[in-house]
Amino acid sequence: MKLDWNQFMGKTLNITLFENYGVVYGANEKEHPTFYEIVFKVGKLTAAYDDGLLIESSREQQAFNIFVPYNSIKCVEIF
């Protein structure tokens, strides 16, 4: 079944992802990198494509776009 994402344009999405990992490096060279799991993305739906969703989010007062492929999505909450 395909969902028509156009009906949710401009709505806020809370997307829960399948496992996805990032790295945070220590303050100096002696510290080892710390791995953490990124499990969700939040933003306003701005576009839907055949292979994923584009959401707009902001961090530290700067707007940016995030492309989330459908195969990375576990669950979506729509507000």
Protein backbone atom coordinates (compact mmCIF):
# COMPACT_ATOMS: atom_id res chain seq x y z
CA MET A 1 0.00 0.00 0.00
CA LYS A 2 1.27 3.46 -0.85
CA LEU A 3 0.47 6.49 1.29
CA ASP A 4 -0.29 9.82 -0.39
CA TRP A 5 2.13 12.05 1.55
CA ASN A 6 0.79 15.18 -0.20
CA GLN A 7 -2.11 15.29 2.27
CA PHE A 8 0.44 15.86 5.07
CA MET A 9 2.51 18.66 3.48
CA GLY A 10 3.39 21.31 6.07
CA LYS A 11 2.64 18.97 8.98
CA THR A 12 5.29 18.09 11.58
CA LEU A 13 6.62 14.54 11.32
CA ASN A 14 8.36 12.61 14.09
CA ILE A 15 10.12 9.83 12.18
CA THR A 16 11.46 6.83 14.07
CA LEU A 17 14.33 5.26 12.14
CA PHE A 18 15.74 1.78 11.95
CA GLU A 19 19.25 1.61 13.47
CA ASN A 20 21.46 4.46 12.35
CA TYR A 21 24.75 5.37 14.02
CA GLY A 22 26.80 8.54 14.42
CA VAL A 23 30.17 9.36 15.93
CA VAL A 24 31.17 12.03 18.44
CA TYR A 25 34.91 12.66 18.82
CA GLY A 26 36.51 13.46 22.17
CA ALA A 27 37.96 16.81 23.13
CA ASN A 28 41.55 15.59 22.65
CA GLU A 29 43.35 12.84 20.71
CA LYS A 30 43.60 10.57 23.76
CA GLU A 31 39.86 10.18 23.99
CA HIS A 32 38.23 7.51 21.85
CA PRO A 33 35.23 8.31 19.63
CA THR A 34 31.86 7.64 21.20
CA PHE A 35 29.18 5.95 19.08
CA TYR A 36 25.55 6.80 19.60
CA GLU A 37 22.32 5.66 17.96
CA ILE A 38 20.23 8.17 16.03
CA VAL A 39 16.68 6.89 16.32
CA PHE A 40 14.46 9.76 15.18
CA LYS A 41 14.18 12.84 12.98
CA VAL A 42 11.67 15.65 13.49
CA GLY A 43 10.66 18.28 10.98
CA LYS A 44 8.01 19.77 8.73
CA LEU A 45 7.22 17.73 5.61
CA THR A 46 8.20 19.79 2.56
CA ALA A 47 8.32 17.18 -0.23
CA ALA A 48 7.65 13.51 -0.92
CA TYR A 49 9.51 11.56 -3.60
CA ASP A 50 9.38 8.01 -4.96
CA ASP A 51 12.26 7.01 -2.68
CA GLY A 52 11.82 9.14 0.47
CA LEU A 53 10.63 12.21 2.34
CA LEU A 54 12.19 15.67 2.64
CA ILE A 55 11.65 17.40 5.97
CA GLU A 56 12.69 20.87 7.12
CA SER A 57 14.09 21.24 10.60
CA SER A 58 16.08 23.78 12.59
CA ARG A 59 18.95 23.58 15.04
CA GLU A 60 20.65 26.49 16.76
CA GLN A 61 18.40 28.93 14.86
CA GLN A 62 19.49 27.59 11.46
CA ALA A 63 17.07 25.85 9.08
CA PHE A 64 18.15 22.78 7.13
CA ASN A 65 16.59 20.00 5.03
CA ILE A 66 16.83 16.28 5.78
CA PHE A 67 16.13 13.57 3.20
CA VAL A 68 14.88 10.35 4.81
CA PRO A 69 14.72 7.28 2.51
CA TYR A 70 11.61 5.13 2.96
CA ASN A 71 13.71 2.03 3.75
CA SER A 72 15.13 3.88 6.81
CA ILE A 73 11.70 4.64 8.27
CA LYS A 74 10.32 2.41 11.00
CA CYS A 75 7.38 4.60 12.11
CA VAL A 76 5.99 8.12 11.50
CA GLU A 77 3.95 10.27 13.87
CA ILE A 78 2.11 13.15 12.18
CA PHE A 79 1.19 16.32 14.11
